[in-house]
C-alpha atoms as a PDB file:
ATOM      1  CA  MET A   1      69.674 111.344  95.187  1.00  0.00           C
ATOM      2  CA  LYS A   2      72.861 109.385  95.893  1.00  0.00           C
ATOM      3  CA  GLN A   3      74.576 108.617  99.181  1.00  0.00           C
ATOM      4  CA  LEU A   4      78.278 109.382  98.856  1.00  0.00           C
ATOM      5  CA  PHE A   5      79.442 108.668 102.410  1.00  0.00           C
ATOM      6  CA  HIS A   6      78.198 106.983 105.552  1.00  0.00           C
ATOM      7  CA  ILE A   7      80.155 106.766 108.804  1.00  0.00           C
ATOM      8  CA  GLU A   8      78.935 105.302 112.080  1.00  0.00           C
ATOM      9  CA  PHE A   9      80.565 104.809 115.490  1.00  0.00           C
ATOM     10  CA  GLU A  10      79.236 103.581 118.828  1.00  0.00           C
ATOM     11  CA  ALA A  11      77.619 106.398 120.822  1.00  0.00           C
ATOM     12  CA  ALA A  12      78.374 104.694 124.175  1.00  0.00           C
ATOM     13  CA  GLY A  13      75.147 105.850 125.832  1.00  0.00           C
ATOM     14  CA  ASP A  14      75.687 109.568 125.285  1.00  0.00           C
ATOM     15  CA  LYS A  15      72.348 111.282 125.998  1.00  0.00           C
ATOM     16  CA  GLN A  16      73.439 114.803 125.025  1.00  0.00           C
ATOM     17  CA  GLN A  17      73.927 114.354 121.310  1.00  0.00           C
ATOM     18  CA  VAL A  18      73.954 117.162 118.766  1.00  0.00           C
ATOM     19  CA  LEU A  19      72.435 116.816 115.302  1.00  0.00           C
ATOM     20  CA  SER A  20      73.920 119.030 112.603  1.00  0.00           C
ATOM     21  CA  LEU A  21      72.353 119.399 109.161  1.00  0.00           C
ATOM     22  CA  ARG A  22      73.920 121.022 106.121  1.00  0.00           C
ATOM     23  CA  ILE A  23      71.564 121.665 103.217  1.00  0.00           C
ATOM     24  CA  GLY A  24      72.494 123.058  99.805  1.00  0.00           C
ATOM     25  CA  LYS A  25      71.077 123.108  96.304  1.00  0.00           C
ATOM     26  CA  GLN A  26      72.757 119.821  95.335  1.00  0.00           C
ATOM     27  CA  HIS A  27      73.818 118.286  98.631  1.00  0.00           C
ATOM     28  CA  PHE A  28      72.589 117.259 102.052  1.00  0.00           C
ATOM     29  CA  ALA A  29      74.716 116.095 104.961  1.00  0.00           C
ATOM     30  CA  PHE A  30      74.104 115.366 108.601  1.00  0.00           C
ATOM     31  CA  ALA A  31      76.268 114.505 111.566  1.00  0.00           C
ATOM     32  CA  ILE A  32      75.449 113.275 115.045  1.00  0.00           C
ATOM     33  CA  ALA A  33      78.139 114.160 117.566  1.00  0.00           C
ATOM     34  CA  ASN A  34      78.628 114.673 121.268  1.00  0.00           C
ATOM     35  CA  LYS A  35      77.815 117.922 123.083  1.00  0.00           C
ATOM     36  CA  SER A  36      81.231 119.450 122.357  1.00  0.00           C
ATOM     37  CA  GLY A  37      80.973 118.537 118.684  1.00  0.00           C
ATOM     38  CA  LEU A  38      84.366 116.824 118.809  1.00  0.00           C
ATOM     39  CA  GLU A  39      83.337 113.154 118.915  1.00  0.00           C
ATOM     40  CA  LEU A  40      81.505 111.832 115.863  1.00  0.00           C
ATOM     41  CA  TYR A  41      78.835 109.121 116.136  1.00  0.00           C
ATOM     42  CA  GLN A  42      77.220 109.139 112.707  1.00  0.00           C
ATOM     43  CA  LEU A  43      77.583 111.019 109.429  1.00  0.00           C
ATOM     44  CA  ALA A  44      75.998 110.763 105.985  1.00  0.00           C
ATOM     45  CA  TYR A  45      76.486 112.850 102.845  1.00  0.00           C
ATOM     46  CA  TYR A  46      74.181 112.876  99.810  1.00  0.00           C
ATOM     47  CA  SER A  47      74.383 114.435  96.366  1.00  0.00           C
ATOM     48  CA  ILE A  48      70.995 115.653  95.167  1.00  0.00           C
ATOM     49  CA  GLU A  49      69.809 116.570  91.689  1.00  0.00           C
ATOM     50  CA  GLU A  50      66.785 118.559  92.833  1.00  0.00           C
ATOM     51  CA  TRP A  51      65.308 119.162  96.262  1.00  0.00           C
ATOM     52  CA  ASN A  52      61.664 118.240  96.756  1.00  0.00           C
ATOM     53  CA  GLU A  53      59.373 116.790  99.412  1.00  0.00           C
ATOM     54  CA  LYS A  54      59.946 113.217  98.202  1.00  0.00           C
ATOM     55  CA  CYS A  55      63.715 113.635  98.543  1.00  0.00           C
ATOM     56  CA  TRP A  56      63.357 114.933 102.122  1.00  0.00           C
ATOM     57  CA  GLN A  57      61.106 111.998 103.062  1.00  0.00           C
ATOM     58  CA  GLU A  58      63.554 109.474 101.580  1.00  0.00           C
ATOM     59  CA  ILE A  59      66.375 110.903 103.671  1.00  0.00           C
ATOM     60  CA  LEU A  60      64.303 110.703 106.853  1.00  0.00           C
ATOM     61  CA  GLU A  61      63.198 107.129 106.119  1.00  0.00           C
ATOM     62  CA  SER A  62      66.751 105.999 105.277  1.00  0.00           C
ATOM     63  CA  ASN A  63      68.196 107.580 108.425  1.00  0.00           C
ATOM     64  CA  PRO A  64      65.821 106.935 111.364  1.00  0.00           C
ATOM     65  CA  ALA A  65      68.451 108.285 113.783  1.00  0.00           C
ATOM     66  CA  ILE A  66      67.624 111.805 112.548  1.00  0.00           C
ATOM     67  CA  SER A  67      64.243 111.509 114.273  1.00  0.00           C
ATOM     68  CA  ASN A  68      65.748 110.856 117.709  1.00  0.00           C
ATOM     69  CA  SER A  69      65.684 113.437 120.495  1.00  0.00           C
ATOM     70  CA  PHE A  70      68.758 115.678 120.578  1.00  0.00           C
ATOM     71  CA  TYR A  71      70.396 118.103 122.959  1.00  0.00           C
ATOM     72  CA  GLU A  72      70.782 120.516 120.044  1.00  0.00           C
ATOM     73  CA  VAL A  73      69.728 120.618 116.400  1.00  0.00           C
ATOM     74  CA  LEU A  74      71.863 122.920 114.255  1.00  0.00           C
ATOM     75  CA  VAL A  75      71.300 123.750 110.604  1.00  0.00           C
ATOM     76  CA  ALA A  76      73.591 125.336 108.020  1.00  0.00           C
ATOM     77  CA  PHE A  77      71.824 126.505 104.866  1.00  0.00           C
ATOM     78  CA  ASP A  78      74.298 126.348 102.000  1.00  0.00           C
ATOM     79  CA  PHE A  79      72.527 128.167  99.172  1.00  0.00           C
ATOM     80  CA  SER A  80      74.469 130.708  97.130  1.00  0.00           C
ATOM     81  CA  GLU A  81      71.829 133.481  97.198  1.00  0.00           C
ATOM     82  CA  SER A  82      73.580 135.522  99.882  1.00  0.00           C
ATOM     83  CA  LEU A  83      74.794 139.091 100.327  1.00  0.00           C
ATOM     84  CA  LEU A  84      77.052 140.472 103.062  1.00  0.00           C
ATOM     85  CA  ALA A  85      76.698 144.087 104.177  1.00  0.00           C
ATOM     86  CA  PRO A  86      78.362 146.210 106.881  1.00  0.00           C
ATOM     87  CA  SER A  87      76.173 146.171 109.992  1.00  0.00           C
ATOM     88  CA  LYS A  88      75.999 149.968 110.195  1.00  0.00           C
ATOM     89  CA  GLU A  89      74.531 150.143 106.679  1.00  0.00           C
ATOM     90  CA  PHE A  90      72.270 147.103 106.920  1.00  0.00           C
ATOM     91  CA  LYS A  91      68.484 147.546 106.802  1.00  0.00           C
ATOM     92  CA  THR A  92      66.332 144.471 107.381  1.00  0.00           C
ATOM     93  CA  ASP A  93      63.434 145.671 105.236  1.00  0.00           C
ATOM     94  CA  GLU A  94      65.718 146.005 102.194  1.00  0.00           C
ATOM     95  CA  ALA A  95      67.073 142.429 102.276  1.00  0.00           C
ATOM     96  CA  GLY A  96      64.374 140.925 100.069  1.00  0.00           C
ATOM     97  CA  THR A  97      64.663 143.682  97.469  1.00  0.00           C
ATOM     98  CA  LEU A  98      68.455 143.403  97.258  1.00  0.00           C
ATOM     99  CA  LEU A  99      68.334 139.613  96.914  1.00  0.00           C
ATOM    100  CA  ASN A 100      65.674 139.913  94.225  1.00  0.00           C
ATOM    101  CA  ILE A 101      67.757 142.407  92.248  1.00  0.00           C
ATOM    102  CA  THR A 102      70.917 140.303  92.557  1.00  0.00           C
ATOM    103  CA  TYR A 103      69.579 136.755  92.260  1.00  0.00           C
ATOM    104  CA  GLY A 104      65.954 137.004  91.209  1.00  0.00           C
ATOM    105  CA  VAL A 105      64.747 135.750  94.591  1.00  0.00           C
ATOM    106  CA  ASN A 106      60.933 135.685  94.744  1.00  0.00           C
ATOM    107  CA  SER A 107      58.090 134.735  97.076  1.00  0.00           C
ATOM    108  CA  GLN A 108      58.995 131.044  96.799  1.00  0.00           C
ATOM    109  CA  SER A 109      62.017 131.713  98.997  1.00  0.00           C
ATOM    110  CA  THR A 110      62.304 132.673 102.640  1.00  0.00           C
ATOM    111  CA  VAL A 111      64.583 135.662 103.282  1.00  0.00           C
ATOM    112  CA  ILE A 112      66.705 135.507 106.441  1.00  0.00           C
ATOM    113  CA  SER A 113      69.165 137.993 107.933  1.00  0.00           C
ATOM    114  CA  GLU A 114      71.786 137.309 110.600  1.00  0.00           C
ATOM    115  CA  SER A 115      74.701 139.077 112.211  1.00  0.00           C
ATOM    116  CA  ILE A 116      78.205 137.617 111.857  1.00  0.00           C
ATOM    117  CA  THR A 117      79.764 137.865 115.297  1.00  0.00           C
ATOM    118  CA  GLY A 118      83.059 139.724 115.478  1.00  0.00           C
ATOM    119  CA  TRP A 119      83.037 141.012 111.895  1.00  0.00           C
ATOM    120  CA  GLN A 120      80.481 143.859 112.017  1.00  0.00           C
ATOM    121  CA  LEU A 121      78.710 142.239 109.071  1.00  0.00           C
ATOM    122  CA  ASN A 122      75.190 141.085 108.336  1.00  0.00           C
ATOM    123  CA  ASN A 123      74.390 138.209 106.027  1.00  0.00           C
ATOM    124  CA  MET A 124      71.094 138.386 104.134  1.00  0.00           C
ATOM    125  CA  TYR A 125      70.220 135.187 102.292  1.00  0.00           C
ATOM    126  CA  ALA A 126      67.405 133.202 100.731  1.00  0.00           C
ATOM    127  CA  VAL A 127      66.330 129.603 101.337  1.00  0.00           C
ATOM    128  CA  PRO A 128      63.673 127.791  99.265  1.00  0.00           C
ATOM    129  CA  ALA A 129      60.514 128.130 101.355  1.00  0.00           C
ATOM    130  CA  GLU A 130      59.570 124.437 101.170  1.00  0.00           C
ATOM    131  CA  ILE A 131      62.983 123.460 102.549  1.00  0.00           C
ATOM    132  CA  LYS A 132      62.950 126.061 105.323  1.00  0.00           C
ATOM    133  CA  ASP A 133      59.363 125.158 106.289  1.00  0.00           C
ATOM    134  CA  GLY A 134      60.095 121.406 106.178  1.00  0.00           C
ATOM    135  CA  VAL A 135      63.120 121.757 108.471  1.00  0.00           C
ATOM    136  CA  SER A 136      61.180 123.995 110.876  1.00  0.00           C
ATOM    137  CA  ARG A 137      58.293 121.523 111.082  1.00  0.00           C
ATOM    138  CA  LYS A 138      60.598 118.568 111.697  1.00  0.00           C
ATOM    139  CA  PHE A 139      62.898 120.424 114.102  1.00  0.00           C
ATOM    140  CA  PRO A 140      60.932 123.327 115.664  1.00  0.00           C
ATOM    141  CA  THR A 141      63.718 124.166 118.141  1.00  0.00           C
ATOM    142  CA  ALA A 142      66.549 124.049 115.592  1.00  0.00           C
ATOM    143  CA  ARG A 143      68.942 126.967 115.322  1.00  0.00           C
ATOM    144  CA  PHE A 144      70.209 127.873 111.905  1.00  0.00           C
ATOM    145  CA  TRP A 145      72.849 129.918 110.122  1.00  0.00           C
ATOM    146  CA  HIS A 146      74.107 130.362 106.592  1.00  0.00           C
ATOM    147  CA  GLN A 147      77.269 128.468 105.648  1.00  0.00           C
ATOM    148  CA  TYR A 148      78.979 131.723 104.606  1.00  0.00           C
ATOM    149  CA  SER A 149      78.399 133.117 108.114  1.00  0.00           C
ATOM    150  CA  LEU A 150      80.105 130.096 109.664  1.00  0.00           C
ATOM    151  CA  ASP A 151      82.974 130.253 107.157  1.00  0.00           C
ATOM    152  CA  VAL A 152      83.594 133.951 107.800  1.00  0.00           C
ATOM    153  CA  ARG A 153      83.347 133.413 111.564  1.00  0.00           C
ATOM    154  CA  ASN A 154      86.125 130.813 111.253  1.00  0.00           C
ATOM    155  CA  SER A 155      88.356 133.091 109.159  1.00  0.00           C
ATOM    156  CA  ILE A 156      90.552 134.178 112.042  1.00  0.00           C
ATOM    157  CA  GLY A 157      94.260 134.873 112.183  1.00  0.00           C
ATOM    158  CA  VAL A 158      94.491 136.054 108.571  1.00  0.00           C
ATOM    159  CA  THR A 159      97.741 137.837 107.723  1.00  0.00           C
ATOM    160  CA  GLU A 160      98.300 140.786 105.420  1.00  0.00           C
ATOM    161  CA  GLU A 161      99.115 138.328 102.621  1.00  0.00           C
ATOM    162  CA  GLY A 162      95.510 137.105 102.699  1.00  0.00           C
ATOM    163  CA  ARG A 163      93.745 133.764 102.632  1.00  0.00           C
ATOM    164  CA  LEU A 164      91.560 131.846 100.205  1.00  0.00           C
ATOM    165  CA  GLN A 165      89.414 129.391 102.141  1.00  0.00           C
ATOM    166  CA  VAL A 166      88.036 126.963  99.546  1.00  0.00           C
ATOM    167  CA  ASP A 167      85.492 124.217 100.229  1.00  0.00           C
ATOM    168  CA  PHE A 168      84.576 121.764  97.477  1.00  0.00           C
ATOM    169  CA  ARG A 169      81.220 120.121  96.832  1.00  0.00           C
ATOM    170  CA  LYS A 170      80.599 117.673  93.986  1.00  0.00           C
ATOM    171  CA  ASN A 171      80.286 120.198  91.126  1.00  0.00           C
ATOM    172  CA  GLU A 172      80.862 123.512  92.883  1.00  0.00           C
ATOM    173  CA  PHE A 173      83.111 125.197  95.406  1.00  0.00           C
ATOM    174  CA  VAL A 174      82.863 128.090  97.831  1.00  0.00           C
ATOM    175  CA  VAL A 175      85.579 130.716  98.230  1.00  0.00           C
ATOM    176  CA  ILE A 176      85.946 132.930 101.292  1.00  0.00           C
ATOM    177  CA  ALA A 177      88.655 135.492 100.500  1.00  0.00           C
ATOM    178  CA  THR A 178      90.002 137.525 103.420  1.00  0.00           C
ATOM    179  CA  ASN A 179      92.848 139.909 104.096  1.00  0.00           C
ATOM    180  CA  ARG A 180      93.603 140.834 107.711  1.00  0.00           C
ATOM    181  CA  ASN A 181      90.207 141.810 109.148  1.00  0.00           C
ATOM    182  CA  ASN A 182      88.524 142.336 105.778  1.00  0.00           C
ATOM    183  CA  VAL A 183      86.188 139.966 103.985  1.00  0.00           C
ATOM    184  CA  LEU A 184      86.933 140.458 100.296  1.00  0.00           C
ATOM    185  CA  LEU A 185      84.629 137.864  98.751  1.00  0.00           C
ATOM    186  CA  THR A 186      82.135 135.130  99.615  1.00  0.00           C
ATOM    187  CA  GLN A 187      80.946 133.297  96.538  1.00  0.00           C
ATOM    188  CA  THR A 188      79.988 129.899  95.127  1.00  0.00           C
ATOM    189  CA  PHE A 189      81.326 128.814  91.732  1.00  0.00           C
ATOM    190  CA  GLU A 190      80.345 125.877  89.553  1.00  0.00           C
ATOM    191  CA  TYR A 191      83.093 123.876  87.860  1.00  0.00           C
ATOM    192  CA  THR A 192      83.630 120.842  85.637  1.00  0.00           C
ATOM    193  CA  THR A 193      87.433 120.728  85.250  1.00  0.00           C
ATOM    194  CA  PRO A 194      90.456 121.585  87.429  1.00  0.00           C
ATOM    195  CA  GLU A 195      91.194 124.412  84.995  1.00  0.00           C
ATOM    196  CA  ASP A 196      87.861 126.014  85.890  1.00  0.00           C
ATOM    197  CA  VAL A 197      88.841 126.134  89.568  1.00  0.00           C
ATOM    198  CA  LEU A 198      92.284 127.499  88.789  1.00  0.00           C
ATOM    199  CA  PHE A 199      90.823 130.202  86.545  1.00  0.00           C
ATOM    200  CA  TYR A 200      88.509 131.519  89.270  1.00  0.00           C
ATOM    201  CA  LEU A 201      91.148 131.439  92.009  1.00  0.00           C
ATOM    202  CA  LEU A 202      93.738 133.234  89.907  1.00  0.00           C
ATOM    203  CA  LYS A 203      91.135 135.792  88.882  1.00  0.00           C
ATOM    204  CA  ILE A 204      90.291 136.431  92.546  1.00  0.00           C
ATOM    205  CA  CYS A 205      93.980 136.889  93.360  1.00  0.00           C
ATOM    206  CA  ASN A 206      94.337 139.356  90.510  1.00  0.00           C
ATOM    207  CA  GLN A 207      91.199 141.287  91.424  1.00  0.00           C
ATOM    208  CA  PHE A 208      92.122 141.713  95.101  1.00  0.00           C
ATOM    209  CA  LEU A 209      95.900 142.046  94.610  1.00  0.00           C
ATOM    210  CA  LEU A 210      96.697 138.795  96.419  1.00  0.00           C
ATOM    211  CA  SER A 211      99.999 137.170  95.526  1.00  0.00           C
ATOM    212  CA  ARG A 212      99.576 133.509  94.581  1.00  0.00           C
ATOM    213  CA  GLU A 213     103.097 132.916  95.928  1.00  0.00           C
ATOM    214  CA  ARG A 214     102.195 134.287  99.379  1.00  0.00           C
ATOM    215  CA  VAL A 215      98.440 133.922  99.869  1.00  0.00           C
ATOM    216  CA  GLU A 216      97.274 131.059 102.109  1.00  0.00           C
ATOM    217  CA  LEU A 217      95.175 128.506 100.235  1.00  0.00           C
ATOM    218  CA  GLN A 218      93.135 126.422 102.687  1.00  0.00           C
ATOM    219  CA  LEU A 219      91.294 123.475 101.160  1.00  0.00           C
ATOM    220  CA  SER A 220      88.459 121.371 102.516  1.00  0.00           C
ATOM    221  CA  GLY A 221      85.600 119.302 101.159  1.00  0.00           C
ATOM    222  CA  LEU A 222      85.628 116.828  98.301  1.00  0.00           C
ATOM    223  CA  VAL A 223      89.169 117.208  96.993  1.00  0.00           C
ATOM    224  CA  ASP A 224      91.842 114.533  97.319  1.00  0.00           C
ATOM    225  CA  LYS A 225      95.577 115.134  97.556  1.00  0.00           C
ATOM    226  CA  GLN A 226      96.126 112.621  94.740  1.00  0.00           C
ATOM    227  CA  SER A 227      93.582 114.251  92.425  1.00  0.00           C
ATOM    228  CA  SER A 228      94.352 116.154  89.238  1.00  0.00           C
ATOM    229  CA  LEU A 229      92.622 119.150  90.821  1.00  0.00           C
ATOM    230  CA  TYR A 230      95.050 119.301  93.733  1.00  0.00           C
ATOM    231  CA  LYS A 231      98.040 118.768  91.437  1.00  0.00           C
ATOM    232  CA  GLU A 232      96.877 121.651  89.250  1.00  0.00           C
ATOM    233  CA  LEU A 233      96.553 123.977  92.237  1.00  0.00           C
ATOM    234  CA  TYR A 234      99.931 122.876  93.582  1.00  0.00           C
ATOM    235  CA  GLN A 235     101.618 124.132  90.409  1.00  0.00           C
ATOM    236  CA  TYR A 236     100.395 127.690  90.991  1.00  0.00           C
ATOM    237  CA  PHE A 237     100.073 128.153  94.759  1.00  0.00           C
ATOM    238  CA  ILE A 238     102.910 127.771  97.279  1.00  0.00           C
ATOM    239  CA  ASN A 239     101.118 127.895 100.646  1.00  0.00           C
ATOM    240  CA  ILE A 240      98.526 125.104 100.406  1.00  0.00           C
ATOM    241  CA  GLU A 241      97.100 123.209 103.346  1.00  0.00           C
ATOM    242  CA  PHE A 242      94.060 121.098 104.112  1.00  0.00           C
ATOM    243  CA  ARG A 243      91.750 122.370 106.842  1.00  0.00           C
ATOM    244  CA  ASN A 244      90.830 119.188 108.707  1.00  0.00           C
ATOM    245  CA  ALA A 245      87.800 118.394 110.801  1.00  0.00           C
ATOM    246  CA  GLN A 246      88.579 118.019 114.498  1.00  0.00           C
ATOM    247  CA  TRP A 247      86.774 114.727 114.875  1.00  0.00           C
ATOM    248  CA  ASN A 248      87.933 111.256 113.847  1.00  0.00           C
ATOM    249  CA  THR A 249      86.255 110.147 110.615  1.00  0.00           C
ATOM    250  CA  GLY A 250      88.096 106.822 110.446  1.00  0.00           C
ATOM    251  CA  ALA A 251      90.866 105.735 108.128  1.00  0.00           C
ATOM    252  CA  GLU A 252      88.642 105.409 105.070  1.00  0.00           C
ATOM    253  CA  TYR A 253      87.916 109.107 104.548  1.00  0.00           C
ATOM    254  CA  PRO A 254      90.211 112.142 104.907  1.00  0.00           C
ATOM    255  CA  ALA A 255      89.178 114.438 107.770  1.00  0.00           C
ATOM    256  CA  HIS A 256      89.025 117.503 105.494  1.00  0.00           C
ATOM    257  CA  PHE A 257      86.105 116.000 103.538  1.00  0.00           C
ATOM    258  CA  PHE A 258      83.731 117.021 106.342  1.00  0.00           C
ATOM    259  CA  THR A 259      85.311 120.161 107.809  1.00  0.00           C
ATOM    260  CA  SER A 260      82.381 122.475 107.069  1.00  0.00           C
ATOM    261  CA  LEU A 261      79.961 120.127 108.804  1.00  0.00           C
ATOM    262  CA  ASN A 262      82.334 119.879 111.767  1.00  0.00           C
ATOM    263  CA  ASP A 263      82.448 123.689 111.918  1.00  0.00           C
ATOM    264  CA  LEU A 264      78.698 123.686 112.489  1.00  0.00           C
ATOM    265  CA  CYS A 265      78.955 121.057 115.231  1.00  0.00           C
ATOM    266  CA  THR A 266      81.598 122.973 117.170  1.00  0.00           C
ATOM    267  CA  TRP A 267      79.856 126.315 116.629  1.00  0.00           C
ATOM    268  CA  VAL A 268      77.391 125.540 119.441  1.00  0.00           C
ATOM    269  CA  ILE A 269      80.264 125.854 121.947  1.00  0.00           C
ATOM    270  CA  HIS A 270      81.099 129.384 120.812  1.00  0.00           C
ATOM    271  CA  PHE A 271      77.462 130.371 120.468  1.00  0.00           C
ATOM    272  CA  ASN A 272      76.550 129.314 124.006  1.00  0.00           C
ATOM    273  CA  LYS A 273      79.576 131.155 125.421  1.00  0.00           C
ATOM    274  CA  GLU A 274      78.412 134.358 123.750  1.00  0.00           C
ATOM    275  CA  LEU A 275      74.881 134.178 125.170  1.00  0.00           C
END
């Protein structure tokens, strides 16, 4: 386990703080923000080789603020074992079977299903049982979603030309491909070189008839504008932009590094309005 980032600002006595956790196969991140999710107080991001109980305990011991009392605790599970299905065709009792056929999900995983508001879709996904149980024990009132559900929910205002919403982790990236009101693809890809990323994105464009000259390419996560990865993408895609977090992360780190975590923080506003 390695800490990649740590940011901390004065909370100024705010008693209605929100804790957001993002947990994936090889990463863990948390943020403490105000009730609106727009003012950041603390953030940490870790790369993880393998999740286990010892790793979880080390994170808790290294970050005592996680054990404070919070107005809300929100969790985004960021594991790739996920399938989206139209709501009218979705059957809860078939989720486990479909995930097992597709990904080999077994009894060591917890199967969860959730509706994606506004898209008439259901997301069925699997989370390692020890992780799900550990989070539930530590935060019994936490509300949770899958990262794909949040990403799709934020895919609004897509034109006929389409959009590739790409978020980078350390050795993988997630693509949410949309066209108008259609979700074309939600998938996680591993990569080692910029050419790997370019290959997958061009293949997606070809498969779904998206023009690389006209499609919107929105980037977030661990990609720098000065990197060879960005320069490679810039040679092939015309409409590139970074999707920045709404909070201030300080001058040291670009705001787009933590956009997905910020999405989770601000989601509570929309969720509460829909209740």
